[in-house]
């Protein structure tokens, strides 16, 4: 009886660690964890397309009189994250500053804009990023895309010699990673393979 009572307590109690909770593989268990997640409210800050949106051959949205379809399950944030709802507002504000202030938009704050002058954009981004990564503002450089950052990294730090010139690269990494290793093929030792790709063993 004691074990049955214990099982019933687990079934109707708060979620336990997944290795001891008999509900760990249920949808209800996952939803109960989501409900306790202090960051779960941030989901509403992003625009999540539906399966119908992804399959539609046009960019036009659904008929407003139709009931909204369920959002898709999006797992590609490492490649392209979902669009924050405020993105359009911020881009529009920057375009307005550009169109109405031209070059002076580099240096002047505007009382009706939450964005800094263009010239201070990177410092402003570093200030926002510092608490996220646990570093000081002067230790952070918020830059562009993965591809451009890798190109800059290679141009700045890749100094091949006859003794050290090889680059170790994950075989299934993004295509941009492979493109950025291109300079390694034209080194002082170009007759030897400079880029070594690591590929996991089959099985």
N, C-alpha and C. Protein backbone atom coordinates (compact mmCIF):
# COMPACT_ATOMS: atom_id res chain seq x y z
N UNK A 1 0.83 -1.21 0.00
CA UNK A 1 0.00 0.00 0.00
C UNK A 1 0.86 1.26 0.00
N UNK A 2 1.98 1.18 0.72
CA UNK A 2 2.83 2.35 0.79
C UNK A 2 3.35 2.76 -0.57
N UNK A 3 3.75 1.77 -1.38
CA UNK A 3 4.29 2.10 -2.70
C UNK A 3 3.20 2.65 -3.61
N UNK A 4 1.96 2.12 -3.50
CA UNK A 4 0.87 2.65 -4.31
C UNK A 4 0.58 4.10 -3.95
N UNK A 5 0.53 4.36 -2.65
CA UNK A 5 0.28 5.72 -2.20
C UNK A 5 1.38 6.66 -2.71
N UNK A 6 2.60 6.16 -2.69
CA UNK A 6 3.73 6.97 -3.17
C UNK A 6 3.58 7.29 -4.65
N UNK A 7 3.16 6.28 -5.43
CA UNK A 7 2.95 6.49 -6.87
C UNK A 7 1.86 7.53 -7.10
N UNK A 8 0.77 7.43 -6.33
CA UNK A 8 -0.32 8.39 -6.48
C UNK A 8 0.13 9.81 -6.12
N UNK A 9 0.96 9.90 -5.10
CA UNK A 9 1.48 11.21 -4.71
C UNK A 9 2.34 11.80 -5.82
N UNK A 10 3.12 10.96 -6.46
CA UNK A 10 3.95 11.43 -7.57
C UNK A 10 3.08 11.89 -8.73
N UNK A 11 2.05 11.09 -9.04
CA UNK A 11 1.18 11.41 -10.18
C UNK A 11 0.51 12.77 -10.03
N UNK A 12 0.13 13.09 -8.80
CA UNK A 12 -0.64 14.31 -8.59
C UNK A 12 0.16 15.43 -7.94
N UNK A 13 1.43 15.21 -7.72
CA UNK A 13 2.27 16.23 -7.10
C UNK A 13 3.04 17.03 -8.12
N UNK A 14 3.88 17.94 -7.65
CA UNK A 14 4.70 18.74 -8.56
C UNK A 14 5.72 17.87 -9.27
N UNK A 15 6.25 18.31 -10.41
CA UNK A 15 7.22 17.49 -11.15
C UNK A 15 8.50 17.25 -10.36
N UNK A 16 9.01 16.04 -10.48
CA UNK A 16 10.26 15.65 -9.86
C UNK A 16 11.34 15.57 -10.92
N UNK A 17 12.61 15.37 -10.53
CA UNK A 17 13.65 15.19 -11.54
C UNK A 17 13.28 14.08 -12.51
N UNK A 18 13.60 14.20 -13.78
CA UNK A 18 13.13 13.25 -14.79
C UNK A 18 13.58 11.81 -14.57
N UNK A 19 14.69 11.60 -13.84
CA UNK A 19 15.17 10.23 -13.64
C UNK A 19 14.37 9.48 -12.58
N UNK A 20 13.50 10.16 -11.83
CA UNK A 20 12.71 9.49 -10.80
C UNK A 20 11.21 9.71 -10.97
N UNK A 21 10.81 10.56 -11.89
CA UNK A 21 9.39 10.87 -12.07
C UNK A 21 8.81 9.95 -13.15
N UNK A 22 7.78 9.18 -12.79
CA UNK A 22 7.18 8.24 -13.74
C UNK A 22 6.44 8.95 -14.87
N UNK A 23 6.22 10.26 -14.74
CA UNK A 23 5.54 11.03 -15.78
C UNK A 23 6.51 11.71 -16.74
N UNK A 24 7.81 11.44 -16.57
CA UNK A 24 8.83 12.24 -17.24
C UNK A 24 8.70 12.27 -18.76
N UNK A 25 8.08 11.24 -19.35
CA UNK A 25 7.98 11.19 -20.81
C UNK A 25 6.60 11.61 -21.32
N UNK A 26 5.82 12.23 -20.47
CA UNK A 26 4.48 12.65 -20.88
C UNK A 26 4.47 14.13 -21.26
N UNK A 27 3.50 14.48 -22.06
CA UNK A 27 3.33 15.88 -22.46
C UNK A 27 3.00 16.75 -21.25
N UNK A 28 2.21 16.18 -20.34
CA UNK A 28 1.81 16.95 -19.16
C UNK A 28 3.03 17.31 -18.30
N UNK A 29 3.96 16.39 -18.21
CA UNK A 29 5.18 16.65 -17.43
C UNK A 29 5.96 17.80 -18.05
N UNK A 30 6.12 17.74 -19.38
CA UNK A 30 6.85 18.81 -20.07
C UNK A 30 6.16 20.15 -19.89
N UNK A 31 4.83 20.16 -19.99
CA UNK A 31 4.09 21.41 -19.84
C UNK A 31 4.19 21.94 -18.41
N UNK A 32 4.26 21.04 -17.43
CA UNK A 32 4.39 21.49 -16.03
C UNK A 32 5.75 22.13 -15.81
N UNK A 33 6.79 21.61 -16.46
CA UNK A 33 8.10 22.24 -16.36
C UNK A 33 8.11 23.61 -17.04
N UNK A 34 7.44 23.70 -18.20
CA UNK A 34 7.34 24.99 -18.89
C UNK A 34 6.65 26.03 -18.00
N UNK A 35 5.61 25.58 -17.28
CA UNK A 35 4.86 26.51 -16.43
C UNK A 35 5.72 27.06 -15.30
N UNK A 36 6.74 26.30 -14.88
CA UNK A 36 7.62 26.75 -13.79
C UNK A 36 8.83 27.53 -14.30
N UNK A 37 9.03 27.52 -15.61
CA UNK A 37 10.21 28.17 -16.17
C UNK A 37 10.02 29.69 -16.13
N UNK A 38 10.90 30.42 -15.42
CA UNK A 38 10.73 31.88 -15.34
C UNK A 38 10.93 32.59 -16.67
N UNK A 39 11.53 31.89 -17.66
CA UNK A 39 11.76 32.50 -18.97
C UNK A 39 10.66 32.16 -19.97
N UNK A 40 9.69 31.33 -19.56
CA UNK A 40 8.68 30.86 -20.52
C UNK A 40 7.87 32.01 -21.12
N UNK A 41 7.71 33.09 -20.37
CA UNK A 41 6.93 34.22 -20.88
C UNK A 41 7.59 34.87 -22.09
N UNK A 42 8.89 34.65 -22.25
CA UNK A 42 9.60 35.25 -23.38
C UNK A 42 9.18 34.65 -24.72
N UNK A 43 8.56 33.49 -24.68
CA UNK A 43 8.07 32.86 -25.91
C UNK A 43 7.14 33.81 -26.67
N UNK A 44 6.35 34.56 -25.92
CA UNK A 44 5.39 35.47 -26.55
C UNK A 44 6.06 36.68 -27.18
N UNK A 45 7.37 36.85 -26.95
CA UNK A 45 8.09 37.98 -27.54
C UNK A 45 8.55 37.69 -28.97
N UNK A 46 8.28 36.48 -29.47
CA UNK A 46 8.75 36.09 -30.80
C UNK A 46 7.59 35.71 -31.70
N UNK A 47 7.79 35.89 -33.00
CA UNK A 47 6.81 35.51 -34.01
C UNK A 47 7.13 34.08 -34.45
N UNK A 48 6.24 33.16 -34.16
CA UNK A 48 6.46 31.75 -34.48
C UNK A 48 5.55 31.37 -35.65
N UNK A 49 6.12 31.00 -36.78
CA UNK A 49 5.26 30.64 -37.92
C UNK A 49 4.53 29.33 -37.67
N UNK A 50 3.45 29.14 -38.39
CA UNK A 50 2.72 27.87 -38.33
C UNK A 50 3.23 26.96 -39.44
N UNK A 51 2.82 25.71 -39.40
CA UNK A 51 3.19 24.80 -40.49
C UNK A 51 2.64 25.30 -41.82
N UNK A 52 1.43 25.87 -41.76
CA UNK A 52 0.82 26.41 -42.99
C UNK A 52 1.64 27.57 -43.54
N UNK A 53 2.18 28.41 -42.65
CA UNK A 53 3.04 29.52 -43.09
C UNK A 53 4.27 28.99 -43.82
N UNK A 54 4.88 27.95 -43.26
CA UNK A 54 6.10 27.41 -43.83
C UNK A 54 5.86 26.75 -45.19
N UNK A 55 4.68 26.16 -45.37
CA UNK A 55 4.38 25.46 -46.62
C UNK A 55 3.82 26.38 -47.71
N UNK A 56 3.29 27.54 -47.31
CA UNK A 56 2.66 28.44 -48.27
C UNK A 56 3.68 28.94 -49.29
N UNK A 57 3.39 28.90 -50.60
CA UNK A 57 4.36 29.32 -51.61
C UNK A 57 4.49 30.84 -51.74
N UNK A 58 3.73 31.59 -50.98
CA UNK A 58 3.80 33.05 -51.03
C UNK A 58 4.12 33.59 -49.63
N UNK A 59 4.48 34.89 -49.57
CA UNK A 59 4.74 35.54 -48.29
C UNK A 59 3.48 36.10 -47.64
N UNK A 60 2.39 36.14 -48.41
CA UNK A 60 1.15 36.70 -47.87
C UNK A 60 0.66 35.85 -46.70
N UNK A 61 0.09 36.51 -45.73
CA UNK A 61 -0.39 35.82 -44.53
C UNK A 61 -1.75 35.20 -44.79
N UNK A 62 -2.21 34.43 -43.82
CA UNK A 62 -3.50 33.76 -43.94
C UNK A 62 -4.65 34.76 -43.93
N UNK A 63 -5.80 34.29 -44.35
CA UNK A 63 -7.02 35.09 -44.29
C UNK A 63 -7.31 35.42 -42.82
N UNK A 64 -7.47 36.71 -42.48
CA UNK A 64 -7.70 37.09 -41.08
C UNK A 64 -8.95 36.48 -40.47
N UNK A 65 -9.90 36.04 -41.31
CA UNK A 65 -11.13 35.45 -40.79
C UNK A 65 -10.94 33.98 -40.44
N UNK A 66 -9.84 33.38 -40.88
CA UNK A 66 -9.58 31.98 -40.55
C UNK A 66 -9.10 31.89 -39.10
N UNK A 67 -9.38 30.77 -38.48
CA UNK A 67 -8.85 30.55 -37.13
C UNK A 67 -7.35 30.33 -37.21
N UNK A 68 -6.58 30.90 -36.29
CA UNK A 68 -5.12 30.78 -36.38
C UNK A 68 -4.67 29.34 -36.21
N UNK A 69 -3.82 28.84 -37.11
CA UNK A 69 -3.31 27.47 -36.97
C UNK A 69 -2.27 27.42 -35.86
N UNK A 70 -2.03 26.24 -35.30
CA UNK A 70 -1.04 26.13 -34.22
C UNK A 70 0.36 26.46 -34.73
N UNK A 71 1.17 27.04 -33.85
CA UNK A 71 2.54 27.38 -34.21
C UNK A 71 3.36 26.12 -34.41
N UNK A 72 4.36 26.20 -35.27
CA UNK A 72 5.23 25.05 -35.49
C UNK A 72 6.19 24.89 -34.31
N UNK A 73 6.82 23.73 -34.23
CA UNK A 73 7.88 23.49 -33.25
C UNK A 73 9.19 23.83 -33.94
N UNK A 74 9.82 24.89 -33.50
CA UNK A 74 10.99 25.43 -34.21
C UNK A 74 12.28 25.06 -33.48
N UNK A 75 13.16 24.32 -34.15
CA UNK A 75 14.40 23.86 -33.52
C UNK A 75 15.63 24.31 -34.29
N UNK A 76 15.52 25.38 -35.06
CA UNK A 76 16.64 25.84 -35.89
C UNK A 76 17.23 27.15 -35.40
N UNK A 77 17.11 27.42 -34.11
CA UNK A 77 17.61 28.69 -33.57
C UNK A 77 19.10 28.87 -33.74
N UNK A 78 19.86 27.77 -33.88
CA UNK A 78 21.30 27.93 -34.06
C UNK A 78 21.64 28.46 -35.45
N UNK A 79 20.72 28.31 -36.40
CA UNK A 79 20.96 28.78 -37.77
C UNK A 79 20.31 30.14 -38.00
N UNK A 80 19.02 30.21 -37.73
CA UNK A 80 18.31 31.49 -37.83
C UNK A 80 17.22 31.50 -36.78
N UNK A 81 17.38 32.37 -35.80
CA UNK A 81 16.40 32.44 -34.73
C UNK A 81 15.09 33.03 -35.21
N UNK A 82 14.05 32.86 -34.39
CA UNK A 82 12.76 33.46 -34.71
C UNK A 82 12.83 34.97 -34.58
N UNK A 83 11.96 35.65 -35.32
CA UNK A 83 11.97 37.12 -35.30
C UNK A 83 11.31 37.65 -34.04
N UNK A 84 12.03 38.47 -33.26
CA UNK A 84 11.39 39.13 -32.12
C UNK A 84 10.29 40.08 -32.60
N UNK A 85 9.25 40.21 -31.83
CA UNK A 85 8.14 41.06 -32.24
C UNK A 85 8.55 42.53 -32.39
N UNK A 86 9.58 42.95 -31.66
CA UNK A 86 9.98 44.35 -31.70
C UNK A 86 10.96 44.67 -32.82
N UNK A 87 11.39 43.64 -33.57
CA UNK A 87 12.38 43.86 -34.62
C UNK A 87 11.90 44.87 -35.65
N UNK A 88 10.68 44.69 -36.12
CA UNK A 88 10.14 45.58 -37.16
C UNK A 88 10.12 47.03 -36.67
N UNK A 89 9.75 47.21 -35.40
CA UNK A 89 9.69 48.56 -34.82
C UNK A 89 11.09 49.20 -34.80
N UNK A 90 12.10 48.43 -34.38
CA UNK A 90 13.45 48.97 -34.29
C UNK A 90 14.04 49.26 -35.66
N UNK A 91 13.80 48.37 -36.61
CA UNK A 91 14.31 48.61 -37.96
C UNK A 91 13.62 49.83 -38.56
N UNK A 92 12.32 49.94 -38.35
CA UNK A 92 11.58 51.11 -38.86
C UNK A 92 12.12 52.39 -38.24
N UNK A 93 12.45 52.36 -36.94
CA UNK A 93 12.99 53.54 -36.28
C UNK A 93 14.34 53.93 -36.88
N UNK A 94 15.18 52.95 -37.17
CA UNK A 94 16.49 53.23 -37.77
C UNK A 94 16.33 53.80 -39.17
N UNK A 95 15.40 53.24 -39.94
CA UNK A 95 15.18 53.75 -41.29
C UNK A 95 14.63 55.18 -41.26
N UNK A 96 13.79 55.46 -40.27
CA UNK A 96 13.26 56.82 -40.14
C UNK A 96 14.38 57.80 -39.79
N UNK A 97 15.26 57.39 -38.87
CA UNK A 97 16.40 58.25 -38.52
C UNK A 97 17.29 58.48 -39.73
N UNK A 98 17.49 57.46 -40.53
CA UNK A 98 18.32 57.59 -41.73
C UNK A 98 17.68 58.53 -42.74
N UNK A 99 16.35 58.37 -42.94
CA UNK A 99 15.68 59.16 -43.97
C UNK A 99 15.49 60.62 -43.57
N UNK A 100 15.34 60.89 -42.27
CA UNK A 100 15.05 62.25 -41.83
C UNK A 100 16.28 63.00 -41.28
N UNK A 101 17.28 62.25 -40.83
CA UNK A 101 18.45 62.89 -40.21
C UNK A 101 19.73 62.70 -41.02
N UNK A 102 19.71 61.74 -41.95
CA UNK A 102 20.87 61.45 -42.80
C UNK A 102 22.13 61.26 -41.94
N UNK A 103 23.22 61.92 -42.30
CA UNK A 103 24.49 61.66 -41.62
C UNK A 103 24.49 62.11 -40.16
N UNK A 104 23.62 63.06 -39.82
CA UNK A 104 23.58 63.51 -38.42
C UNK A 104 23.02 62.44 -37.49
N UNK A 105 22.38 61.43 -38.07
CA UNK A 105 21.87 60.33 -37.27
C UNK A 105 22.98 59.53 -36.60
N UNK A 106 24.22 59.71 -37.07
CA UNK A 106 25.36 59.04 -36.45
C UNK A 106 25.60 59.54 -35.03
N UNK A 107 25.26 60.80 -34.77
CA UNK A 107 25.76 61.43 -33.54
C UNK A 107 24.69 61.96 -32.61
N UNK A 108 23.43 62.04 -33.04
CA UNK A 108 22.42 62.72 -32.23
C UNK A 108 21.40 61.76 -31.66
N UNK A 109 21.10 61.92 -30.36
CA UNK A 109 20.00 61.19 -29.74
C UNK A 109 18.68 61.86 -30.11
N UNK A 110 17.62 61.06 -30.14
CA UNK A 110 16.30 61.61 -30.46
C UNK A 110 15.32 61.18 -29.38
N UNK A 111 14.55 62.13 -28.91
CA UNK A 111 13.68 61.89 -27.76
C UNK A 111 12.59 60.86 -28.05
N UNK A 112 12.25 60.66 -29.33
CA UNK A 112 11.18 59.72 -29.67
C UNK A 112 11.72 58.39 -30.21
N UNK A 113 12.99 58.11 -29.94
CA UNK A 113 13.57 56.85 -30.38
C UNK A 113 14.29 56.17 -29.22
N UNK A 114 14.08 54.86 -29.08
CA UNK A 114 14.75 54.11 -28.02
C UNK A 114 16.14 53.67 -28.43
N UNK A 115 16.50 53.90 -29.69
CA UNK A 115 17.79 53.45 -30.19
C UNK A 115 18.85 54.54 -30.05
N UNK A 116 20.10 54.15 -29.87
CA UNK A 116 21.18 55.14 -29.74
C UNK A 116 21.57 55.68 -31.11
N UNK A 117 22.38 56.74 -31.17
CA UNK A 117 22.93 57.18 -32.46
C UNK A 117 23.70 56.03 -33.12
N UNK A 118 23.78 56.07 -34.45
CA UNK A 118 24.41 54.97 -35.18
C UNK A 118 25.82 54.67 -34.68
N UNK A 119 26.58 55.71 -34.38
CA UNK A 119 27.98 55.53 -34.01
C UNK A 119 28.13 54.79 -32.68
N UNK A 120 27.10 54.80 -31.85
CA UNK A 120 27.17 54.16 -30.53
C UNK A 120 26.47 52.81 -30.50
N UNK A 121 26.05 52.30 -31.66
CA UNK A 121 25.25 51.07 -31.69
C UNK A 121 26.00 49.89 -31.09
N UNK A 122 27.31 49.76 -31.38
CA UNK A 122 28.06 48.61 -30.88
C UNK A 122 28.25 48.69 -29.36
N UNK A 123 28.50 49.90 -28.83
CA UNK A 123 28.63 50.05 -27.37
C UNK A 123 27.31 49.75 -26.67
N UNK A 124 26.23 50.16 -27.28
CA UNK A 124 24.89 49.92 -26.71
C UNK A 124 24.61 48.42 -26.68
N UNK A 125 24.99 47.71 -27.75
CA UNK A 125 24.79 46.26 -27.81
C UNK A 125 25.64 45.56 -26.76
N UNK A 126 26.88 46.03 -26.57
CA UNK A 126 27.76 45.42 -25.56
C UNK A 126 27.19 45.60 -24.16
N UNK A 127 26.59 46.75 -23.90
CA UNK A 127 25.99 47.00 -22.58
C UNK A 127 24.85 46.03 -22.31
N UNK A 128 24.04 45.73 -23.34
CA UNK A 128 22.93 44.80 -23.18
C UNK A 128 23.43 43.35 -23.06
N UNK A 129 24.54 43.05 -23.73
CA UNK A 129 25.04 41.68 -23.76
C UNK A 129 25.83 41.31 -22.50
N UNK A 130 26.43 42.30 -21.83
CA UNK A 130 27.30 42.03 -20.68
C UNK A 130 26.65 41.15 -19.62
N UNK A 131 25.46 41.46 -19.14
CA UNK A 131 24.87 40.59 -18.11
C UNK A 131 24.48 39.21 -18.63
N UNK A 132 24.28 39.09 -19.94
CA UNK A 132 23.90 37.80 -20.52
C UNK A 132 25.08 36.82 -20.47
N UNK A 133 26.28 37.31 -20.80
CA UNK A 133 27.45 36.43 -20.86
C UNK A 133 28.31 36.52 -19.61
N UNK A 134 27.95 37.42 -18.67
CA UNK A 134 28.70 37.52 -17.42
C UNK A 134 30.06 38.15 -17.59
N UNK A 135 30.15 39.20 -18.38
CA UNK A 135 31.42 39.87 -18.62
C UNK A 135 31.23 41.37 -18.49
N UNK A 136 32.35 42.09 -18.47
CA UNK A 136 32.28 43.55 -18.44
C UNK A 136 32.01 44.06 -19.86
N UNK A 137 31.45 45.25 -19.93
CA UNK A 137 31.15 45.83 -21.24
C UNK A 137 32.40 45.98 -22.10
N UNK A 138 33.53 46.33 -21.47
CA UNK A 138 34.76 46.54 -22.24
C UNK A 138 35.43 45.23 -22.67
N UNK A 139 34.83 44.10 -22.28
CA UNK A 139 35.36 42.80 -22.69
C UNK A 139 34.57 42.20 -23.86
N UNK A 140 33.57 42.91 -24.32
CA UNK A 140 32.64 42.35 -25.30
C UNK A 140 32.71 43.13 -26.61
N UNK A 141 32.66 42.39 -27.71
CA UNK A 141 32.52 43.00 -29.04
C UNK A 141 31.38 42.28 -29.74
N UNK A 142 30.28 42.99 -29.95
CA UNK A 142 29.15 42.42 -30.65
C UNK A 142 29.34 42.72 -32.13
N UNK A 143 29.46 41.66 -32.92
CA UNK A 143 29.83 41.84 -34.32
C UNK A 143 28.74 41.29 -35.24
N UNK A 144 29.12 40.98 -36.48
CA UNK A 144 28.14 40.62 -37.49
C UNK A 144 27.83 39.14 -37.55
N UNK A 145 27.78 38.61 -38.74
CA UNK A 145 27.35 37.23 -38.94
C UNK A 145 28.48 36.25 -38.68
N UNK A 146 28.13 34.99 -38.57
CA UNK A 146 29.13 33.95 -38.34
C UNK A 146 30.19 33.96 -39.44
N UNK A 147 29.76 34.03 -40.69
CA UNK A 147 30.70 33.97 -41.81
C UNK A 147 31.69 35.12 -41.77
N UNK A 148 31.20 36.35 -41.60
CA UNK A 148 32.11 37.50 -41.58
C UNK A 148 33.04 37.46 -40.37
N UNK A 149 32.52 36.99 -39.22
CA UNK A 149 33.37 36.89 -38.04
C UNK A 149 34.49 35.88 -38.23
N UNK A 150 34.18 34.76 -38.87
CA UNK A 150 35.22 33.75 -39.11
C UNK A 150 36.26 34.26 -40.09
N UNK A 151 35.83 35.00 -41.10
CA UNK A 151 36.78 35.59 -42.05
C UNK A 151 37.73 36.55 -41.32
N UNK A 152 37.18 37.38 -40.45
CA UNK A 152 38.01 38.33 -39.70
C UNK A 152 38.96 37.59 -38.77
N UNK A 153 38.48 36.51 -38.17
CA UNK A 153 39.33 35.71 -37.28
C UNK A 153 40.51 35.12 -38.05
N UNK A 154 40.24 34.57 -39.22
CA UNK A 154 41.30 33.98 -40.03
C UNK A 154 42.30 35.04 -40.49
N UNK A 155 41.77 36.18 -40.94
CA UNK A 155 42.64 37.25 -41.44
C UNK A 155 43.52 37.82 -40.34
N UNK A 156 43.02 37.82 -39.11
CA UNK A 156 43.76 38.44 -38.01
C UNK A 156 44.76 37.50 -37.35
N UNK A 157 44.41 36.22 -37.23
CA UNK A 157 45.20 35.34 -36.37
C UNK A 157 45.85 34.16 -37.08
N UNK A 158 45.43 33.85 -38.30
CA UNK A 158 46.01 32.69 -38.97
C UNK A 158 47.35 33.08 -39.59
N UNK A 159 48.43 32.60 -38.97
CA UNK A 159 49.78 32.91 -39.44
C UNK A 159 50.52 31.58 -39.63
N UNK A 160 50.33 30.93 -40.77
CA UNK A 160 50.92 29.61 -40.96
C UNK A 160 52.43 29.65 -41.10
N UNK A 161 53.06 28.58 -40.62
CA UNK A 161 54.49 28.38 -40.80
C UNK A 161 54.69 26.97 -41.33
N UNK A 162 55.91 26.62 -41.67
CA UNK A 162 56.16 25.28 -42.19
C UNK A 162 55.90 24.22 -41.13
N UNK A 163 55.95 24.61 -39.85
CA UNK A 163 55.74 23.66 -38.76
C UNK A 163 54.28 23.61 -38.31
N UNK A 164 53.58 24.77 -38.40
CA UNK A 164 52.20 24.84 -37.93
C UNK A 164 51.35 25.57 -38.96
N UNK A 165 50.54 24.81 -39.67
CA UNK A 165 49.72 25.44 -40.70
C UNK A 165 48.36 24.76 -40.86
N UNK A 166 48.13 23.67 -40.15
CA UNK A 166 46.90 22.91 -40.35
C UNK A 166 45.75 23.45 -39.51
N UNK A 167 44.55 23.27 -40.03
CA UNK A 167 43.32 23.68 -39.35
C UNK A 167 42.45 22.45 -39.16
N UNK A 168 42.02 22.22 -37.94
CA UNK A 168 41.15 21.10 -37.62
C UNK A 168 39.70 21.58 -37.68
N UNK A 169 38.88 20.91 -38.48
CA UNK A 169 37.53 21.38 -38.75
C UNK A 169 36.53 20.24 -38.63
N UNK A 170 35.42 20.51 -38.01
CA UNK A 170 34.35 19.50 -37.94
C UNK A 170 33.81 19.23 -39.33
N UNK A 171 33.72 17.97 -39.70
CA UNK A 171 33.32 17.62 -41.07
C UNK A 171 31.94 18.09 -41.45
N UNK A 172 31.01 18.12 -40.48
CA UNK A 172 29.63 18.50 -40.78
C UNK A 172 29.28 19.89 -40.27
N UNK A 173 30.28 20.73 -40.16
CA UNK A 173 30.01 22.10 -39.71
C UNK A 173 29.31 22.89 -40.81
N UNK A 174 28.88 24.12 -40.49
CA UNK A 174 28.20 24.96 -41.46
C UNK A 174 29.09 25.18 -42.68
N UNK A 175 28.50 25.31 -43.86
CA UNK A 175 29.31 25.61 -45.06
C UNK A 175 30.19 26.84 -44.90
N UNK A 176 29.71 27.84 -44.15
CA UNK A 176 30.51 29.06 -43.97
C UNK A 176 31.81 28.76 -43.24
N UNK A 177 31.79 27.75 -42.35
CA UNK A 177 33.03 27.37 -41.66
C UNK A 177 34.06 26.86 -42.66
N UNK A 178 33.60 26.06 -43.60
CA UNK A 178 34.51 25.50 -44.60
C UNK A 178 35.03 26.59 -45.54
N UNK A 179 34.15 27.52 -45.89
CA UNK A 179 34.56 28.61 -46.77
C UNK A 179 35.65 29.45 -46.12
N UNK A 180 35.52 29.66 -44.81
CA UNK A 180 36.49 30.52 -44.12
C UNK A 180 37.84 29.85 -43.92
N UNK A 181 37.90 28.54 -44.12
CA UNK A 181 39.19 27.86 -44.05
C UNK A 181 39.91 27.90 -45.40
N UNK A 182 39.31 28.55 -46.38
CA UNK A 182 39.86 28.62 -47.73
C UNK A 182 41.29 29.16 -47.78
N UNK A 183 41.65 30.22 -47.02
CA UNK A 183 43.03 30.72 -47.07
C UNK A 183 44.07 29.68 -46.70
N UNK A 184 43.67 28.69 -45.91
CA UNK A 184 44.63 27.67 -45.48
C UNK A 184 45.11 26.81 -46.64
N UNK A 185 44.35 26.82 -47.73
CA UNK A 185 44.75 26.00 -48.87
C UNK A 185 45.86 26.65 -49.69
N UNK A 186 46.14 27.91 -49.39
CA UNK A 186 47.17 28.63 -50.14
C UNK A 186 48.23 29.15 -49.18
N UNK A 187 48.88 28.25 -48.52
CA UNK A 187 49.91 28.60 -47.55
C UNK A 187 51.28 28.26 -48.11
N UNK A 188 52.28 28.45 -47.27
CA UNK A 188 53.63 28.11 -47.67
C UNK A 188 53.79 26.60 -47.87
N UNK A 189 52.82 25.86 -47.39
CA UNK A 189 52.89 24.40 -47.51
C UNK A 189 51.69 23.90 -48.31
N UNK A 190 51.33 24.59 -49.36
CA UNK A 190 50.11 24.29 -50.10
C UNK A 190 50.13 22.93 -50.78
N UNK A 191 51.31 22.29 -50.84
CA UNK A 191 51.37 20.96 -51.43
C UNK A 191 50.85 19.90 -50.47
N UNK A 192 50.68 20.26 -49.20
CA UNK A 192 50.17 19.34 -48.19
C UNK A 192 48.75 19.75 -47.78
N UNK A 193 47.92 18.79 -47.36
CA UNK A 193 46.56 19.17 -46.92
C UNK A 193 46.61 20.03 -45.67
N UNK A 194 46.01 21.22 -45.75
CA UNK A 194 46.05 22.14 -44.62
C UNK A 194 44.80 22.04 -43.76
N UNK A 195 43.68 21.63 -44.35
CA UNK A 195 42.42 21.53 -43.62
C UNK A 195 42.11 20.06 -43.36
N UNK A 196 42.04 19.70 -42.09
CA UNK A 196 41.73 18.32 -41.71
C UNK A 196 40.32 18.28 -41.16
N UNK A 197 39.43 17.52 -41.81
CA UNK A 197 38.04 17.44 -41.38
C UNK A 197 37.84 16.21 -40.49
N UNK A 198 37.25 16.44 -39.34
CA UNK A 198 36.92 15.35 -38.43
C UNK A 198 35.52 14.84 -38.73
N UNK A 199 35.41 13.57 -39.01
CA UNK A 199 34.11 12.96 -39.30
C UNK A 199 33.93 11.80 -38.33
N UNK A 200 32.77 11.72 -37.70
CA UNK A 200 32.53 10.66 -36.73
C UNK A 200 32.50 9.30 -37.41
N UNK A 201 32.91 8.28 -36.68
CA UNK A 201 32.91 6.93 -37.20
C UNK A 201 31.48 6.47 -37.45
N UNK A 202 31.29 5.64 -38.46
CA UNK A 202 29.95 5.13 -38.77
C UNK A 202 29.43 4.28 -37.61
N UNK A 203 28.15 4.50 -37.27
CA UNK A 203 27.54 3.72 -36.20
C UNK A 203 27.87 4.26 -34.84
